[in-house]
Amino acid sequence: MPFATTDDAVRAWVRGWAVSRGAAEPVGRAWGYTVEVGLPHEVARHVLPDADETTVREIAGNTAAPAVWLKTFVPPQTLAAWLPPGWALAGGPGFLMAARLDPGGAAAPALADGYRLTRWTRGGVTRAVVRAADGAFAARAQIAVTGRTAVVDQVETHPGHRRRGLGRVLLHSLADTAAREGATAAVLGATPDGRALYESAGWRVLAPLTAATRTPQDPSA
């Protein structure tokens, strides 16, 4: 495991995610972290590394505004049982995953014929985009380096360009960039579909990643 504990991995993920998304610096709480995100669909998020029913109910019960999210590392069925009325699971099941970084370690996978990769770095975040032969968007990903750790984020492949190894190319390119900048471990939040890609590239699951948010209120109620 590239992190001493899962809590260390969560801490790295929170810090790197905030950099990757241009969110506010995470604020430490007794139970975890709060990140001001500032988007209509996600105003802020509370991250609970060691969630329990009492803490979840207290935070949720004291949150009246919509678009505030909870991020926990328990199975969906566990979090669902803890949520008070007005809250629901969101975003589907996920996984916190991690990998060691080694500059120049594994050989870079070849990019499929007709595709081209463009990469740039700004504000501590390296972004990579793959375009098809006609210039259309095919895939993208980004990585934020925060010292010895890095966070892979926003990995996406257009449905019409899947199963061509583009995700593996992006992962290798960004991981190699982060390693050359001094990062030795990386972490990310994966969907069930993404998990297979990451595991094939050497990543391992550390914990489930389950989110919940306050559901919109009916204005006519």
C-alpha atoms as a PDB file:
ATOM      1  CA  MET A   1       0.000   0.000   0.000  1.00  0.00           C
ATOM      2  CA  PRO A   2       1.501   3.376  -0.996  1.00  0.00           C
ATOM      3  CA  PHE A   3      -0.032   5.090   2.065  1.00  0.00           C
ATOM      4  CA  ALA A   4       0.605   4.207   5.715  1.00  0.00           C
ATOM      5  CA  THR A   5      -3.128   4.232   6.468  1.00  0.00           C
ATOM      6  CA  THR A   6      -6.395   4.784   4.644  1.00  0.00           C
ATOM      7  CA  ASP A   7      -6.781   8.061   6.568  1.00  0.00           C
ATOM      8  CA  ASP A   8      -3.512   9.238   4.992  1.00  0.00           C
ATOM      9  CA  ALA A   9      -4.888   8.393   1.570  1.00  0.00           C
ATOM     10  CA  VAL A  10      -8.115  10.275   2.315  1.00  0.00           C
ATOM     11  CA  ARG A  11      -6.146  13.326   3.431  1.00  0.00           C
ATOM     12  CA  ALA A  12      -4.109  13.264   0.210  1.00  0.00           C
ATOM     13  CA  TRP A  13      -7.265  12.820  -1.863  1.00  0.00           C
ATOM     14  CA  VAL A  14      -9.025  15.772  -0.238  1.00  0.00           C
ATOM     15  CA  ARG A  15      -6.048  18.094  -0.691  1.00  0.00           C
ATOM     16  CA  GLY A  16      -5.360  17.059  -4.267  1.00  0.00           C
ATOM     17  CA  TRP A  17      -9.016  17.093  -5.301  1.00  0.00           C
ATOM     18  CA  ALA A  18      -9.377  20.665  -4.045  1.00  0.00           C
ATOM     19  CA  VAL A  19      -6.363  21.721  -6.125  1.00  0.00           C
ATOM     20  CA  SER A  20      -7.593  19.821  -9.168  1.00  0.00           C
ATOM     21  CA  ARG A  21     -11.048  21.434  -9.052  1.00  0.00           C
ATOM     22  CA  GLY A  22      -9.917  24.908  -7.993  1.00  0.00           C
ATOM     23  CA  ALA A  23     -11.880  24.579  -4.742  1.00  0.00           C
ATOM     24  CA  ALA A  24     -11.035  26.262  -1.450  1.00  0.00           C
ATOM     25  CA  GLU A  25      -8.367  24.898   0.872  1.00  0.00           C
ATOM     26  CA  PRO A  26      -9.878  22.057   2.931  1.00  0.00           C
ATOM     27  CA  VAL A  27     -10.756  23.035   6.496  1.00  0.00           C
ATOM     28  CA  GLY A  28      -9.988  20.447   9.156  1.00  0.00           C
ATOM     29  CA  ARG A  29     -12.818  19.355  11.439  1.00  0.00           C
ATOM     30  CA  ALA A  30     -12.967  17.009  14.408  1.00  0.00           C
ATOM     31  CA  TRP A  31     -14.619  14.452  12.113  1.00  0.00           C
ATOM     32  CA  GLY A  32     -12.761  15.214   8.850  1.00  0.00           C
ATOM     33  CA  TYR A  33     -12.744  18.060   6.325  1.00  0.00           C
ATOM     34  CA  THR A  34     -14.990  20.674   4.764  1.00  0.00           C
ATOM     35  CA  VAL A  35     -14.272  21.933   1.249  1.00  0.00           C
ATOM     36  CA  GLU A  36     -16.030  24.960  -0.233  1.00  0.00           C
ATOM     37  CA  VAL A  37     -16.594  23.989  -3.865  1.00  0.00           C
ATOM     38  CA  GLY A  38     -18.749  26.890  -5.027  1.00  0.00           C
ATOM     39  CA  LEU A  39     -20.794  25.200  -7.764  1.00  0.00           C
ATOM     40  CA  PRO A  40     -24.588  25.194  -8.153  1.00  0.00           C
ATOM     41  CA  HIS A  41     -24.749  21.404  -7.934  1.00  0.00           C
ATOM     42  CA  GLU A  42     -22.142  21.191  -5.160  1.00  0.00           C
ATOM     43  CA  VAL A  43     -21.811  24.215  -2.917  1.00  0.00           C
ATOM     44  CA  ALA A  44     -19.617  22.400  -0.419  1.00  0.00           C
ATOM     45  CA  ARG A  45     -18.635  18.915   0.656  1.00  0.00           C
ATOM     46  CA  HIS A  46     -17.968  17.346   4.038  1.00  0.00           C
ATOM     47  CA  VAL A  47     -15.497  14.451   3.926  1.00  0.00           C
ATOM     48  CA  LEU A  48     -15.665  11.953   6.806  1.00  0.00           C
ATOM     49  CA  PRO A  49     -12.674   9.556   6.872  1.00  0.00           C
ATOM     50  CA  ASP A  50     -14.182   7.523   9.728  1.00  0.00           C
ATOM     51  CA  ALA A  51     -17.917   8.066   9.378  1.00  0.00           C
ATOM     52  CA  ASP A  52     -20.319   6.807  12.030  1.00  0.00           C
ATOM     53  CA  GLU A  53     -24.075   7.101  12.389  1.00  0.00           C
ATOM     54  CA  THR A  54     -24.023   9.739  15.118  1.00  0.00           C
ATOM     55  CA  THR A  55     -21.715  12.067  13.187  1.00  0.00           C
ATOM     56  CA  VAL A  56     -23.548  11.622   9.882  1.00  0.00           C
ATOM     57  CA  ARG A  57     -26.915  12.373  11.484  1.00  0.00           C
ATOM     58  CA  GLU A  58     -25.516  15.409  13.288  1.00  0.00           C
ATOM     59  CA  ILE A  59     -23.947  16.943  10.167  1.00  0.00           C
ATOM     60  CA  ALA A  60     -26.947  16.165   7.979  1.00  0.00           C
ATOM     61  CA  GLY A  61     -29.374  17.427  10.595  1.00  0.00           C
ATOM     62  CA  ASN A  62     -27.524  20.737  10.843  1.00  0.00           C
ATOM     63  CA  THR A  63     -27.438  21.252   7.059  1.00  0.00           C
ATOM     64  CA  ALA A  64     -30.480  23.018   5.637  1.00  0.00           C
ATOM     65  CA  ALA A  65     -29.106  24.107   2.261  1.00  0.00           C
ATOM     66  CA  PRO A  66     -29.331  21.877  -0.835  1.00  0.00           C
ATOM     67  CA  ALA A  67     -26.250  20.903  -2.876  1.00  0.00           C
ATOM     68  CA  VAL A  68     -24.131  20.151   0.201  1.00  0.00           C
ATOM     69  CA  TRP A  69     -22.518  16.740  -0.103  1.00  0.00           C
ATOM     70  CA  LEU A  70     -21.245  14.135   2.325  1.00  0.00           C
ATOM     71  CA  LYS A  71     -18.364  11.919   1.220  1.00  0.00           C
ATOM     72  CA  THR A  72     -17.796   8.789   3.290  1.00  0.00           C
ATOM     73  CA  PHE A  73     -15.771   5.578   3.103  1.00  0.00           C
ATOM     74  CA  VAL A  74     -18.461   3.105   4.051  1.00  0.00           C
ATOM     75  CA  PRO A  75     -20.648   0.888   1.806  1.00  0.00           C
ATOM     76  CA  PRO A  76     -23.756   2.483   0.256  1.00  0.00           C
ATOM     77  CA  GLN A  77     -26.149   0.404   2.334  1.00  0.00           C
ATOM     78  CA  THR A  78     -24.442   1.559   5.528  1.00  0.00           C
ATOM     79  CA  LEU A  79     -24.630   5.249   4.703  1.00  0.00           C
ATOM     80  CA  ALA A  80     -28.210   4.928   3.451  1.00  0.00           C
ATOM     81  CA  ALA A  81     -29.305   3.552   6.826  1.00  0.00           C
ATOM     82  CA  TRP A  82     -27.776   6.551   8.621  1.00  0.00           C
ATOM     83  CA  LEU A  83     -29.312   9.323   6.524  1.00  0.00           C
ATOM     84  CA  PRO A  84     -32.187  11.378   7.967  1.00  0.00           C
ATOM     85  CA  PRO A  85     -35.235  12.368   5.878  1.00  0.00           C
ATOM     86  CA  GLY A  86     -34.385  14.854   3.120  1.00  0.00           C
ATOM     87  CA  TRP A  87     -31.087  13.164   2.262  1.00  0.00           C
ATOM     88  CA  ALA A  88     -30.297  10.512  -0.350  1.00  0.00           C
ATOM     89  CA  LEU A  89     -27.336   8.653  -1.780  1.00  0.00           C
ATOM     90  CA  ALA A  90     -25.832  10.390  -4.807  1.00  0.00           C
ATOM     91  CA  GLY A  91     -23.480   9.615  -7.631  1.00  0.00           C
ATOM     92  CA  GLY A  92     -23.582   5.830  -7.428  1.00  0.00           C
ATOM     93  CA  PRO A  93     -21.132   3.517  -5.630  1.00  0.00           C
ATOM     94  CA  GLY A  94     -17.471   4.395  -5.777  1.00  0.00           C
ATOM     95  CA  PHE A  95     -14.043   3.318  -4.607  1.00  0.00           C
ATOM     96  CA  LEU A  96     -11.014   5.063  -3.133  1.00  0.00           C
ATOM     97  CA  MET A  97      -8.003   3.672  -4.996  1.00  0.00           C
ATOM     98  CA  ALA A  98      -4.254   4.186  -4.771  1.00  0.00           C
ATOM     99  CA  ALA A  99      -1.051   3.355  -6.627  1.00  0.00           C
ATOM    100  CA  ARG A 100       2.673   3.808  -6.250  1.00  0.00           C
ATOM    101  CA  LEU A 101       4.386   6.127  -8.706  1.00  0.00           C
ATOM    102  CA  ASP A 102       7.690   5.247 -10.314  1.00  0.00           C
ATOM    103  CA  PRO A 103       9.200   7.595 -12.922  1.00  0.00           C
ATOM    104  CA  GLY A 104      10.124   5.660 -16.007  1.00  0.00           C
ATOM    105  CA  GLY A 105       8.915   2.390 -14.448  1.00  0.00           C
ATOM    106  CA  ALA A 106       6.551   0.581 -16.794  1.00  0.00           C
ATOM    107  CA  ALA A 107       6.844   1.123 -20.518  1.00  0.00           C
ATOM    108  CA  ALA A 108       4.376   3.654 -21.893  1.00  0.00           C
ATOM    109  CA  PRO A 109       1.417   2.053 -23.713  1.00  0.00           C
ATOM    110  CA  ALA A 110       1.162   2.991 -27.365  1.00  0.00           C
ATOM    111  CA  LEU A 111      -1.508   5.420 -28.457  1.00  0.00           C
ATOM    112  CA  ALA A 112      -3.881   3.872 -30.991  1.00  0.00           C
ATOM    113  CA  ASP A 113      -3.409   4.927 -34.603  1.00  0.00           C
ATOM    114  CA  GLY A 114      -5.077   8.181 -35.566  1.00  0.00           C
ATOM    115  CA  TYR A 115      -5.169   9.654 -32.051  1.00  0.00           C
ATOM    116  CA  ARG A 116      -2.997  12.395 -30.606  1.00  0.00           C
ATOM    117  CA  LEU A 117      -2.292  13.367 -27.029  1.00  0.00           C
ATOM    118  CA  THR A 118      -1.914  16.962 -25.831  1.00  0.00           C
ATOM    119  CA  ARG A 119      -0.753  17.766 -22.294  1.00  0.00           C
ATOM    120  CA  TRP A 120      -0.291  21.018 -20.383  1.00  0.00           C
ATOM    121  CA  THR A 121       0.234  22.189 -16.792  1.00  0.00           C
ATOM    122  CA  ARG A 122      -1.292  25.210 -15.103  1.00  0.00           C
ATOM    123  CA  GLY A 123      -1.819  26.065 -11.447  1.00  0.00           C
ATOM    124  CA  GLY A 124      -0.319  22.807 -10.205  1.00  0.00           C
ATOM    125  CA  VAL A 125      -2.628  20.679 -12.376  1.00  0.00           C
ATOM    126  CA  THR A 126      -1.527  18.752 -15.446  1.00  0.00           C
ATOM    127  CA  ARG A 127      -4.283  18.034 -17.953  1.00  0.00           C
ATOM    128  CA  ALA A 128      -4.164  15.642 -20.864  1.00  0.00           C
ATOM    129  CA  VAL A 129      -6.581  15.382 -23.768  1.00  0.00           C
ATOM    130  CA  VAL A 130      -6.729  12.790 -26.536  1.00  0.00           C
ATOM    131  CA  ARG A 131      -8.277  13.839 -29.849  1.00  0.00           C
ATOM    132  CA  ALA A 132      -9.310  11.636 -32.731  1.00  0.00           C
ATOM    133  CA  ALA A 133      -7.995  11.906 -36.274  1.00  0.00           C
ATOM    134  CA  ASP A 134     -10.752  14.372 -37.165  1.00  0.00           C
ATOM    135  CA  GLY A 135      -9.903  16.531 -34.132  1.00  0.00           C
ATOM    136  CA  ALA A 136     -12.918  15.434 -32.089  1.00  0.00           C
ATOM    137  CA  PHE A 137     -12.702  14.882 -28.353  1.00  0.00           C
ATOM    138  CA  ALA A 138     -11.866  11.281 -27.432  1.00  0.00           C
ATOM    139  CA  ALA A 139     -10.662  11.240 -23.812  1.00  0.00           C
ATOM    140  CA  ARG A 140      -9.301  13.377 -21.022  1.00  0.00           C
ATOM    141  CA  ALA A 141      -7.845  13.233 -17.506  1.00  0.00           C
ATOM    142  CA  GLN A 142      -5.924  15.444 -15.104  1.00  0.00           C
ATOM    143  CA  ILE A 143      -3.635  15.117 -12.096  1.00  0.00           C
ATOM    144  CA  ALA A 144      -2.850  17.490  -9.227  1.00  0.00           C
ATOM    145  CA  VAL A 145       0.471  17.107  -7.417  1.00  0.00           C
ATOM    146  CA  THR A 146       0.658  18.171  -3.769  1.00  0.00           C
ATOM    147  CA  GLY A 147       4.164  17.341  -2.602  1.00  0.00           C
ATOM    148  CA  ARG A 148       4.776  13.597  -2.381  1.00  0.00           C
ATOM    149  CA  THR A 149       1.219  12.679  -3.357  1.00  0.00           C
ATOM    150  CA  ALA A 150      -0.980  13.254  -6.376  1.00  0.00           C
ATOM    151  CA  VAL A 151      -4.661  12.935  -7.269  1.00  0.00           C
ATOM    152  CA  VAL A 152      -5.923  11.675 -10.618  1.00  0.00           C
ATOM    153  CA  ASP A 153      -9.224  13.309 -11.501  1.00  0.00           C
ATOM    154  CA  GLN A 154     -11.806  13.906 -14.253  1.00  0.00           C
ATOM    155  CA  VAL A 155     -10.976  10.760 -16.211  1.00  0.00           C
ATOM    156  CA  GLU A 156     -13.412  10.475 -19.101  1.00  0.00           C
ATOM    157  CA  THR A 157     -13.547   8.660 -22.435  1.00  0.00           C
ATOM    158  CA  HIS A 158     -16.156   9.449 -25.057  1.00  0.00           C
ATOM    159  CA  PRO A 159     -18.435   6.427 -25.604  1.00  0.00           C
ATOM    160  CA  GLY A 160     -17.469   6.281 -29.256  1.00  0.00           C
ATOM    161  CA  HIS A 161     -13.786   5.904 -28.415  1.00  0.00           C
ATOM    162  CA  ARG A 162     -13.825   3.351 -25.608  1.00  0.00           C
ATOM    163  CA  ARG A 163     -11.949   0.041 -25.561  1.00  0.00           C
ATOM    164  CA  ARG A 164      -9.022   1.492 -27.477  1.00  0.00           C
ATOM    165  CA  GLY A 165      -6.610   1.873 -24.556  1.00  0.00           C
ATOM    166  CA  LEU A 166      -6.951   5.645 -24.329  1.00  0.00           C
ATOM    167  CA  GLY A 167      -7.548   5.581 -20.578  1.00  0.00           C
ATOM    168  CA  ARG A 168      -4.382   3.565 -19.959  1.00  0.00           C
ATOM    169  CA  VAL A 169      -2.374   5.997 -22.073  1.00  0.00           C
ATOM    170  CA  LEU A 170      -3.721   8.953 -20.088  1.00  0.00           C
ATOM    171  CA  LEU A 171      -3.079   7.274 -16.727  1.00  0.00           C
ATOM    172  CA  HIS A 172       0.499   6.408 -17.627  1.00  0.00           C
ATOM    173  CA  SER A 173       1.224   9.866 -19.030  1.00  0.00           C
ATOM    174  CA  LEU A 174      -0.106  11.692 -15.977  1.00  0.00           C
ATOM    175  CA  ALA A 175       1.407   9.285 -13.447  1.00  0.00           C
ATOM    176  CA  ASP A 176       4.802   9.655 -15.106  1.00  0.00           C
ATOM    177  CA  THR A 177       4.462  13.450 -14.992  1.00  0.00           C
ATOM    178  CA  ALA A 178       3.592  13.397 -11.279  1.00  0.00           C
ATOM    179  CA  ALA A 179       6.444  11.014 -10.477  1.00  0.00           C
ATOM    180  CA  ARG A 180       8.936  13.263 -12.241  1.00  0.00           C
ATOM    181  CA  GLU A 181       7.647  16.131 -10.095  1.00  0.00           C
ATOM    182  CA  GLY A 182       8.458  14.153  -6.947  1.00  0.00           C
ATOM    183  CA  ALA A 183       5.190  12.398  -6.129  1.00  0.00           C
ATOM    184  CA  THR A 184       5.569   8.811  -4.950  1.00  0.00           C
ATOM    185  CA  ALA A 185       1.913   7.849  -4.456  1.00  0.00           C
ATOM    186  CA  ALA A 186      -1.364   8.677  -6.148  1.00  0.00           C
ATOM    187  CA  VAL A 187      -5.000   8.349  -5.150  1.00  0.00           C
ATOM    188  CA  LEU A 188      -8.339   8.725  -6.918  1.00  0.00           C
ATOM    189  CA  GLY A 189     -12.072   8.186  -6.597  1.00  0.00           C
ATOM    190  CA  ALA A 190     -13.328   5.560  -9.059  1.00  0.00           C
ATOM    191  CA  THR A 191     -16.696   4.504 -10.427  1.00  0.00           C
ATOM    192  CA  PRO A 192     -17.442   0.778 -10.899  1.00  0.00           C
ATOM    193  CA  ASP A 193     -16.662   1.119 -14.625  1.00  0.00           C
ATOM    194  CA  GLY A 194     -13.429   2.989 -13.934  1.00  0.00           C
ATOM    195  CA  ARG A 195     -12.289   0.492 -11.320  1.00  0.00           C
ATOM    196  CA  ALA A 196     -11.523  -2.162 -13.942  1.00  0.00           C
ATOM    197  CA  LEU A 197      -9.309   0.253 -15.878  1.00  0.00           C
ATOM    198  CA  TYR A 198      -7.382   1.322 -12.794  1.00  0.00           C
ATOM    199  CA  GLU A 199      -6.891  -2.204 -11.490  1.00  0.00           C
ATOM    200  CA  SER A 200      -5.521  -3.256 -14.875  1.00  0.00           C
ATOM    201  CA  ALA A 201      -2.989  -0.444 -14.506  1.00  0.00           C
ATOM    202  CA  GLY A 202      -1.872  -1.570 -11.039  1.00  0.00           C
ATOM    203  CA  TRP A 203      -4.129   0.484  -8.781  1.00  0.00           C
ATOM    204  CA  ARG A 204      -5.768  -1.117  -5.736  1.00  0.00           C
ATOM    205  CA  VAL A 205      -8.970  -0.427  -3.815  1.00  0.00           C
ATOM    206  CA  LEU A 206      -8.498   1.010  -0.319  1.00  0.00           C
ATOM    207  CA  ALA A 207     -12.116   1.598   0.689  1.00  0.00           C
ATOM    208  CA  PRO A 208     -15.631   2.112  -0.639  1.00  0.00           C
ATOM    209  CA  LEU A 209     -16.469   5.727  -1.473  1.00  0.00           C
ATOM    210  CA  THR A 210     -20.108   6.676  -0.958  1.00  0.00           C
ATOM    211  CA  ALA A 211     -21.717  10.109  -1.292  1.00  0.00           C
ATOM    212  CA  ALA A 212     -24.995  11.620  -0.176  1.00  0.00           C
ATOM    213  CA  THR A 213     -26.603  15.003  -0.652  1.00  0.00           C
ATOM    214  CA  ARG A 214     -29.613  16.874   0.593  1.00  0.00           C
ATOM    215  CA  THR A 215     -32.434  16.383  -1.884  1.00  0.00           C
ATOM    216  CA  PRO A 216     -34.079  19.476  -3.447  1.00  0.00           C
ATOM    217  CA  GLN A 217     -37.149  20.654  -1.598  1.00  0.00           C
ATOM    218  CA  ASP A 218     -40.491  20.899  -3.377  1.00  0.00           C
ATOM    219  CA  PRO A 219     -41.251  24.673  -3.547  1.00  0.00           C
ATOM    220  CA  SER A 220     -44.980  23.931  -3.485  1.00  0.00           C
ATOM    221  CA  ALA A 221     -44.741  22.025  -0.195  1.00  0.00           C
END
